[in-house]
Amino acid sequence: MLALFQSFGLPELGVILLIALIIFGPSKLPQIGKSIGKALREFRESSSEVGKAIQEGIEEEEKKEAKASAKTDEKEAKE
């Protein structure tokens, strides 16, 4: 998906903007831009929240594994 946006150059973006201007008119473009900006911001926030939740889950599992490993080490040391 990222490669798709990297292939857009200035001429391509200009054509897209011109088509949007023709279809929606100059009065609607700011509203559309604002809506797209809000949607992208919400998507980024959601992505970062999911990433944080995954990271917390991984850290929690690592702590559990470390505790289990410490317990088995203690049992082996007692024997």
PDB file of N, CA and C in Angstrom:
ATOM      1  N   MET A   1       0.835  -1.190   0.000  1.00  0.00           N
ATOM      2  CA  MET A   1       0.000   0.000   0.000  1.00  0.00           C
ATOM      3  C   MET A   1       0.878   1.251   0.000  1.00  0.00           C
ATOM      4  N   LEU A   2       1.944   1.208   0.792  1.00  0.00           N
ATOM      5  CA  LEU A   2       2.834   2.352   0.862  1.00  0.00           C
ATOM      6  C   LEU A   2       3.517   2.588  -0.476  1.00  0.00           C
ATOM      7  N   ALA A   3       3.832   1.534  -1.183  1.00  0.00           N
ATOM      8  CA  ALA A   3       4.474   1.663  -2.490  1.00  0.00           C
ATOM      9  C   ALA A   3       3.568   2.392  -3.473  1.00  0.00           C
ATOM     10  N   LEU A   4       2.273   2.233  -3.301  1.00  0.00           N
ATOM     11  CA  LEU A   4       1.317   2.912  -4.171  1.00  0.00           C
ATOM     12  C   LEU A   4       1.442   4.422  -4.023  1.00  0.00           C
ATOM     13  N   PHE A   5       1.556   4.897  -2.783  1.00  0.00           N
ATOM     14  CA  PHE A   5       1.662   6.332  -2.559  1.00  0.00           C
ATOM     15  C   PHE A   5       3.027   6.868  -2.938  1.00  0.00           C
ATOM     16  N   GLN A   6       4.046   6.045  -2.867  1.00  0.00           N
ATOM     17  CA  GLN A   6       5.380   6.496  -3.247  1.00  0.00           C
ATOM     18  C   GLN A   6       5.506   6.675  -4.751  1.00  0.00           C
ATOM     19  N   SER A   7       4.654   5.999  -5.511  1.00  0.00           N
ATOM     20  CA  SER A   7       4.753   6.114  -6.955  1.00  0.00           C
ATOM     21  C   SER A   7       4.062   7.378  -7.483  1.00  0.00           C
ATOM     22  N   PHE A   8       3.279   8.057  -6.636  1.00  0.00           N
ATOM     23  CA  PHE A   8       2.643   9.294  -7.046  1.00  0.00           C
ATOM     24  C   PHE A   8       3.663  10.416  -7.049  1.00  0.00           C
ATOM     25  N   GLY A   9       3.719  11.126  -8.155  1.00  0.00           N
ATOM     26  CA  GLY A   9       4.575  12.291  -8.240  1.00  0.00           C
ATOM     27  C   GLY A   9       3.715  13.536  -8.236  1.00  0.00           C
ATOM     28  N   LEU A  10       4.333  14.663  -8.420  1.00  0.00           N
ATOM     29  CA  LEU A  10       3.611  15.935  -8.446  1.00  0.00           C
ATOM     30  C   LEU A  10       2.612  16.003  -9.595  1.00  0.00           C
ATOM     31  N   PRO A  11       2.953  15.550 -10.792  1.00  0.00           N
ATOM     32  CA  PRO A  11       1.972  15.608 -11.884  1.00  0.00           C
ATOM     33  C   PRO A  11       0.721  14.757 -11.604  1.00  0.00           C
ATOM     34  N   GLU A  12       0.924  13.569 -11.019  1.00  0.00           N
ATOM     35  CA  GLU A  12      -0.212  12.705 -10.717  1.00  0.00           C
ATOM     36  C   GLU A  12      -1.126  13.333  -9.674  1.00  0.00           C
ATOM     37  N   LEU A  13      -0.518  13.910  -8.648  1.00  0.00           N
ATOM     38  CA  LEU A  13      -1.318  14.573  -7.612  1.00  0.00           C
ATOM     39  C   LEU A  13      -2.069  15.775  -8.173  1.00  0.00           C
ATOM     40  N   GLY A  14      -1.444  16.479  -9.107  1.00  0.00           N
ATOM     41  CA  GLY A  14      -2.111  17.606  -9.749  1.00  0.00           C
ATOM     42  C   GLY A  14      -3.324  17.175 -10.549  1.00  0.00           C
ATOM     43  N   VAL A  15      -3.193  16.076 -11.271  1.00  0.00           N
ATOM     44  CA  VAL A  15      -4.321  15.555 -12.044  1.00  0.00           C
ATOM     45  C   VAL A  15      -5.455  15.136 -11.110  1.00  0.00           C
ATOM     46  N   ILE A  16      -5.111  14.462 -10.018  1.00  0.00           N
ATOM     47  CA  ILE A  16      -6.133  14.042  -9.047  1.00  0.00           C
ATOM     48  C   ILE A  16      -6.834  15.262  -8.458  1.00  0.00           C
ATOM     49  N   LEU A  17      -6.077  16.280  -8.104  1.00  0.00           N
ATOM     50  CA  LEU A  17      -6.665  17.503  -7.557  1.00  0.00           C
ATOM     51  C   LEU A  17      -7.563  18.183  -8.584  1.00  0.00           C
ATOM     52  N   LEU A  18      -7.145  18.231  -9.833  1.00  0.00           N
ATOM     53  CA  LEU A  18      -7.953  18.839 -10.890  1.00  0.00           C
ATOM     54  C   LEU A  18      -9.265  18.076 -11.082  1.00  0.00           C
ATOM     55  N   ILE A  19      -9.206  16.758 -11.076  1.00  0.00           N
ATOM     56  CA  ILE A  19     -10.429  15.959 -11.220  1.00  0.00           C
ATOM     57  C   ILE A  19     -11.363  16.194 -10.032  1.00  0.00           C
ATOM     58  N   ALA A  20     -10.806  16.230  -8.827  1.00  0.00           N
ATOM     59  CA  ALA A  20     -11.621  16.487  -7.636  1.00  0.00           C
ATOM     60  C   ALA A  20     -12.244  17.876  -7.704  1.00  0.00           C
ATOM     61  N   LEU A  21     -11.500  18.845  -8.189  1.00  0.00           N
ATOM     62  CA  LEU A  21     -12.012  20.207  -8.326  1.00  0.00           C
ATOM     63  C   LEU A  21     -13.167  20.257  -9.310  1.00  0.00           C
ATOM     64  N   ILE A  22     -13.051  19.538 -10.408  1.00  0.00           N
ATOM     65  CA  ILE A  22     -14.114  19.508 -11.417  1.00  0.00           C
ATOM     66  C   ILE A  22     -15.356  18.802 -10.869  1.00  0.00           C
ATOM     67  N   ILE A  23     -15.154  17.679 -10.184  1.00  0.00           N
ATOM     68  CA  ILE A  23     -16.299  16.902  -9.700  1.00  0.00           C
ATOM     69  C   ILE A  23     -17.009  17.604  -8.544  1.00  0.00           C
ATOM     70  N   PHE A  24     -16.265  18.052  -7.550  1.00  0.00           N
ATOM     71  CA  PHE A  24     -16.889  18.574  -6.333  1.00  0.00           C
ATOM     72  C   PHE A  24     -17.020  20.088  -6.303  1.00  0.00           C
ATOM     73  N   GLY A  25     -16.242  20.777  -7.059  1.00  0.00           N
ATOM     74  CA  GLY A  25     -16.292  22.236  -7.062  1.00  0.00           C
ATOM     75  C   GLY A  25     -15.415  22.814  -5.970  1.00  0.00           C
ATOM     76  N   PRO A  26     -15.045  24.068  -6.121  1.00  0.00           N
ATOM     77  CA  PRO A  26     -14.112  24.678  -5.166  1.00  0.00           C
ATOM     78  C   PRO A  26     -14.699  24.879  -3.767  1.00  0.00           C
ATOM     79  N   SER A  27     -16.011  24.954  -3.642  1.00  0.00           N
ATOM     80  CA  SER A  27     -16.591  25.194  -2.318  1.00  0.00           C
ATOM     81  C   SER A  27     -16.598  23.934  -1.454  1.00  0.00           C
ATOM     82  N   LYS A  28     -16.619  22.763  -2.059  1.00  0.00           N
ATOM     83  CA  LYS A  28     -16.673  21.507  -1.307  1.00  0.00           C
ATOM     84  C   LYS A  28     -15.294  20.941  -0.967  1.00  0.00           C
ATOM     85  N   LEU A  29     -14.257  21.340  -1.688  1.00  0.00           N
ATOM     86  CA  LEU A  29     -12.931  20.760  -1.465  1.00  0.00           C
ATOM     87  C   LEU A  29     -12.408  20.954  -0.044  1.00  0.00           C
ATOM     88  N   PRO A  30     -12.559  22.126   0.581  1.00  0.00           N
ATOM     89  CA  PRO A  30     -12.079  22.252   1.968  1.00  0.00           C
ATOM     90  C   PRO A  30     -12.801  21.297   2.929  1.00  0.00           C
ATOM     91  N   GLN A  31     -14.106  21.132   2.729  1.00  0.00           N
ATOM     92  CA  GLN A  31     -14.862  20.209   3.588  1.00  0.00           C
ATOM     93  C   GLN A  31     -14.389  18.777   3.383  1.00  0.00           C
ATOM     94  N   ILE A  32     -14.154  18.391   2.146  1.00  0.00           N
ATOM     95  CA  ILE A  32     -13.691  17.038   1.838  1.00  0.00           C
ATOM     96  C   ILE A  32     -12.297  16.821   2.436  1.00  0.00           C
ATOM     97  N   GLY A  33     -11.434  17.801   2.282  1.00  0.00           N
ATOM     98  CA  GLY A  33     -10.087  17.706   2.859  1.00  0.00           C
ATOM     99  C   GLY A  33     -10.122  17.563   4.369  1.00  0.00           C
ATOM    100  N   LYS A  34     -11.009  18.314   5.006  1.00  0.00           N
ATOM    101  CA  LYS A  34     -11.144  18.240   6.454  1.00  0.00           C
ATOM    102  C   LYS A  34     -11.637  16.854   6.876  1.00  0.00           C
ATOM    103  N   SER A  35     -12.593  16.316   6.152  1.00  0.00           N
ATOM    104  CA  SER A  35     -13.123  14.980   6.455  1.00  0.00           C
ATOM    105  C   SER A  35     -12.053  13.908   6.279  1.00  0.00           C
ATOM    106  N   ILE A  36     -11.293  14.013   5.214  1.00  0.00           N
ATOM    107  CA  ILE A  36     -10.220  13.045   4.976  1.00  0.00           C
ATOM    108  C   ILE A  36      -9.156  13.160   6.062  1.00  0.00           C
ATOM    109  N   GLY A  37      -8.828  14.382   6.453  1.00  0.00           N
ATOM    110  CA  GLY A  37      -7.853  14.587   7.523  1.00  0.00           C
ATOM    111  C   GLY A  37      -8.305  13.973   8.836  1.00  0.00           C
ATOM    112  N   LYS A  38      -9.586  14.159   9.175  1.00  0.00           N
ATOM    113  CA  LYS A  38     -10.111  13.559  10.406  1.00  0.00           C
ATOM    114  C   LYS A  38     -10.046  12.041  10.342  1.00  0.00           C
ATOM    115  N   ALA A  39     -10.425  11.481   9.201  1.00  0.00           N
ATOM    116  CA  ALA A  39     -10.420  10.023   9.048  1.00  0.00           C
ATOM    117  C   ALA A  39      -8.998   9.475   9.193  1.00  0.00           C
ATOM    118  N   LEU A  40      -8.015  10.149   8.578  1.00  0.00           N
ATOM    119  CA  LEU A  40      -6.624   9.696   8.691  1.00  0.00           C
ATOM    120  C   LEU A  40      -6.121   9.797  10.123  1.00  0.00           C
ATOM    121  N   ARG A  41      -6.479  10.879  10.806  1.00  0.00           N
ATOM    122  CA  ARG A  41      -6.061  11.061  12.195  1.00  0.00           C
ATOM    123  C   ARG A  41      -6.639   9.959  13.080  1.00  0.00           C
ATOM    124  N   GLU A  42      -7.929   9.659  12.911  1.00  0.00           N
ATOM    125  CA  GLU A  42      -8.559   8.602  13.697  1.00  0.00           C
ATOM    126  C   GLU A  42      -7.932   7.243  13.389  1.00  0.00           C
ATOM    127  N   PHE A  43      -7.609   7.002  12.130  1.00  0.00           N
ATOM    128  CA  PHE A  43      -6.971   5.743  11.753  1.00  0.00           C
ATOM    129  C   PHE A  43      -5.607   5.613  12.421  1.00  0.00           C
ATOM    130  N   ARG A  44      -4.829   6.688  12.415  1.00  0.00           N
ATOM    131  CA  ARG A  44      -3.511   6.648  13.056  1.00  0.00           C
ATOM    132  C   ARG A  44      -3.633   6.406  14.554  1.00  0.00           C
ATOM    133  N   GLU A  45      -4.597   7.073  15.197  1.00  0.00           N
ATOM    134  CA  GLU A  45      -4.797   6.880  16.634  1.00  0.00           C
ATOM    135  C   GLU A  45      -5.197   5.436  16.929  1.00  0.00           C
ATOM    136  N   SER A  46      -6.082   4.895  16.119  1.00  0.00           N
ATOM    137  CA  SER A  46      -6.508   3.505  16.311  1.00  0.00           C
ATOM    138  C   SER A  46      -5.338   2.555  16.107  1.00  0.00           C
ATOM    139  N   SER A  47      -4.540   2.809  15.094  1.00  0.00           N
ATOM    140  CA  SER A  47      -3.380   1.958  14.825  1.00  0.00           C
ATOM    141  C   SER A  47      -2.404   1.998  15.985  1.00  0.00           C
ATOM    142  N   SER A  48      -2.164   3.173  16.519  1.00  0.00           N
ATOM    143  CA  SER A  48      -1.209   3.265  17.625  1.00  0.00           C
ATOM    144  C   SER A  48      -1.767   2.596  18.877  1.00  0.00           C
ATOM    145  N   GLU A  49      -3.088   2.684  19.102  1.00  0.00           N
ATOM    146  CA  GLU A  49      -3.691   2.010  20.250  1.00  0.00           C
ATOM    147  C   GLU A  49      -3.568   0.495  20.109  1.00  0.00           C
ATOM    148  N   VAL A  50      -3.798  -0.018  18.931  1.00  0.00           N
ATOM    149  CA  VAL A  50      -3.662  -1.458  18.701  1.00  0.00           C
ATOM    150  C   VAL A  50      -2.209  -1.872  18.903  1.00  0.00           C
ATOM    151  N   GLY A  51      -1.291  -1.092  18.396  1.00  0.00           N
ATOM    152  CA  GLY A  51       0.130  -1.389  18.571  1.00  0.00           C
ATOM    153  C   GLY A  51       0.531  -1.407  20.034  1.00  0.00           C
ATOM    154  N   LYS A  52       0.019  -0.436  20.801  1.00  0.00           N
ATOM    155  CA  LYS A  52       0.319  -0.398  22.236  1.00  0.00           C
ATOM    156  C   LYS A  52      -0.257  -1.615  22.942  1.00  0.00           C
ATOM    157  N   ALA A  53      -1.481  -2.001  22.594  1.00  0.00           N
ATOM    158  CA  ALA A  53      -2.107  -3.164  23.219  1.00  0.00           C
ATOM    159  C   ALA A  53      -1.315  -4.431  22.915  1.00  0.00           C
ATOM    160  N   ILE A  54      -0.861  -4.570  21.689  1.00  0.00           N
ATOM    161  CA  ILE A  54      -0.061  -5.738  21.321  1.00  0.00           C
ATOM    162  C   ILE A  54       1.255  -5.738  22.084  1.00  0.00           C
ATOM    163  N   GLN A  55       1.898  -4.588  22.166  1.00  0.00           N
ATOM    164  CA  GLN A  55       3.168  -4.490  22.881  1.00  0.00           C
ATOM    165  C   GLN A  55       2.992  -4.825  24.358  1.00  0.00           C
ATOM    166  N   GLU A  56       1.904  -4.332  24.967  1.00  0.00           N
ATOM    167  CA  GLU A  56       1.640  -4.630  26.375  1.00  0.00           C
ATOM    168  C   GLU A  56       1.404  -6.122  26.570  1.00  0.00           C
ATOM    169  N   GLY A  57       0.691  -6.748  25.641  1.00  0.00           N
ATOM    170  CA  GLY A  57       0.460  -8.185  25.719  1.00  0.00           C
ATOM    171  C   GLY A  57       1.748  -8.974  25.627  1.00  0.00           C
ATOM    172  N   ILE A  58       2.628  -8.556  24.739  1.00  0.00           N
ATOM    173  CA  ILE A  58       3.923  -9.228  24.587  1.00  0.00           C
ATOM    174  C   ILE A  58       4.742  -9.087  25.858  1.00  0.00           C
ATOM    175  N   GLU A  59       4.779  -7.879  26.412  1.00  0.00           N
ATOM    176  CA  GLU A  59       5.547  -7.654  27.642  1.00  0.00           C
ATOM    177  C   GLU A  59       4.978  -8.465  28.804  1.00  0.00           C
ATOM    178  N   GLU A  60       3.657  -8.566  28.875  1.00  0.00           N
ATOM    179  CA  GLU A  60       3.009  -9.337  29.934  1.00  0.00           C
ATOM    180  C   GLU A  60       3.378 -10.819  29.813  1.00  0.00           C
ATOM    181  N   GLU A  61       3.365 -11.347  28.589  1.00  0.00           N
ATOM    182  CA  GLU A  61       3.739 -12.743  28.371  1.00  0.00           C
ATOM    183  C   GLU A  61       5.202 -12.981  28.736  1.00  0.00           C
ATOM    184  N   GLU A  62       6.065 -12.032  28.412  1.00  0.00           N
ATOM    185  CA  GLU A  62       7.482 -12.174  28.749  1.00  0.00           C
ATOM    186  C   GLU A  62       7.679 -12.201  30.259  1.00  0.00           C
ATOM    187  N   LYS A  63       6.916 -11.370  30.988  1.00  0.00           N
ATOM    188  CA  LYS A  63       7.007 -11.370  32.444  1.00  0.00           C
ATOM    189  C   LYS A  63       6.546 -12.704  33.011  1.00  0.00           C
ATOM    190  N   LYS A  64       5.452 -13.255  32.467  1.00  0.00           N
ATOM    191  CA  LYS A  64       4.959 -14.553  32.929  1.00  0.00           C
ATOM    192  C   LYS A  64       5.989 -15.642  32.683  1.00  0.00           C
ATOM    193  N   GLU A  65       6.596 -15.623  31.509  1.00  0.00           N
ATOM    194  CA  GLU A  65       7.613 -16.618  31.179  1.00  0.00           C
ATOM    195  C   GLU A  65       8.824 -16.480  32.093  1.00  0.00           C
ATOM    196  N   ALA A  66       9.212 -15.244  32.403  1.00  0.00           N
ATOM    197  CA  ALA A  66      10.357 -15.020  33.283  1.00  0.00           C
ATOM    198  C   ALA A  66      10.052 -15.539  34.683  1.00  0.00           C
ATOM    199  N   LYS A  67       8.839 -15.308  35.177  1.00  0.00           N
ATOM    200  CA  LYS A  67       8.463 -15.803  36.499  1.00  0.00           C
ATOM    201  C   LYS A  67       8.446 -17.326  36.522  1.00  0.00           C
ATOM    202  N   ALA A  68       7.906 -17.933  35.480  1.00  0.00           N
ATOM    203  CA  ALA A  68       7.866 -19.391  35.404  1.00  0.00           C
ATOM    204  C   ALA A  68       9.279 -19.961  35.341  1.00  0.00           C
ATOM    205  N   SER A  69      10.133 -19.318  34.609  1.00  0.00           N
ATOM    206  CA  SER A  69      11.518 -19.766  34.491  1.00  0.00           C
ATOM    207  C   SER A  69      12.229 -19.634  35.831  1.00  0.00           C
ATOM    208  N   ALA A  70      11.973 -18.557  36.554  1.00  0.00           N
ATOM    209  CA  ALA A  70      12.593 -18.352  37.867  1.00  0.00           C
ATOM    210  C   ALA A  70      12.127 -19.418  38.843  1.00  0.00           C
ATOM    211  N   LYS A  71      10.856 -19.771  38.784  1.00  0.00           N
ATOM    212  CA  LYS A  71      10.333 -20.809  39.680  1.00  0.00           C
ATOM    213  C   LYS A  71      10.976 -22.157  39.396  1.00  0.00           C
ATOM    214  N   THR A  72      11.119 -22.498  38.120  1.00  0.00           N
ATOM    215  CA  THR A  72      11.752 -23.780  37.783  1.00  0.00           C
ATOM    216  C   THR A  72      13.225 -23.772  38.184  1.00  0.00           C
ATOM    217  N   ASP A  73      13.881 -22.631  38.080  1.00  0.00           N
ATOM    218  CA  ASP A  73      15.283 -22.527  38.501  1.00  0.00           C
ATOM    219  C   ASP A  73      15.410 -22.729  40.011  1.00  0.00           C
ATOM    220  N   GLU A  74      14.448 -22.174  40.766  1.00  0.00           N
ATOM    221  CA  GLU A  74      14.446 -22.333  42.227  1.00  0.00           C
ATOM    222  C   GLU A  74      14.244 -23.790  42.604  1.00  0.00           C
ATOM    223  N   LYS A  75      13.328 -24.463  41.907  1.00  0.00           N
ATOM    224  CA  LYS A  75      13.059 -25.873  42.211  1.00  0.00           C
ATOM    225  C   LYS A  75      14.299 -26.725  41.914  1.00  0.00           C
ATOM    226  N   GLU A  76      14.953 -26.438  40.801  1.00  0.00           N
ATOM    227  CA  GLU A  76      16.156 -27.189  40.435  1.00  0.00           C
ATOM    228  C   GLU A  76      17.292 -26.923  41.433  1.00  0.00           C
ATOM    229  N   ALA A  77      17.378 -25.699  41.941  1.00  0.00           N
ATOM    230  CA  ALA A  77      18.434 -25.357  42.888  1.00  0.00           C
ATOM    231  C   ALA A  77      18.202 -26.070  44.219  1.00  0.00           C
ATOM    232  N   LYS A  78      16.949 -26.250  44.624  1.00  0.00           N
ATOM    233  CA  LYS A  78      16.632 -26.929  45.872  1.00  0.00           C
ATOM    234  C   LYS A  78      16.940 -28.416  45.796  1.00  0.00           C
ATOM    235  N   GLU A  79      16.798 -28.964  44.616  1.00  0.00           N
ATOM    236  CA  GLU A  79      17.031 -30.402  44.449  1.00  0.00           C
ATOM    237  C   GLU A  79      18.486 -30.639  44.419  1.00  0.00           C
TER     238      GLU A  79
END
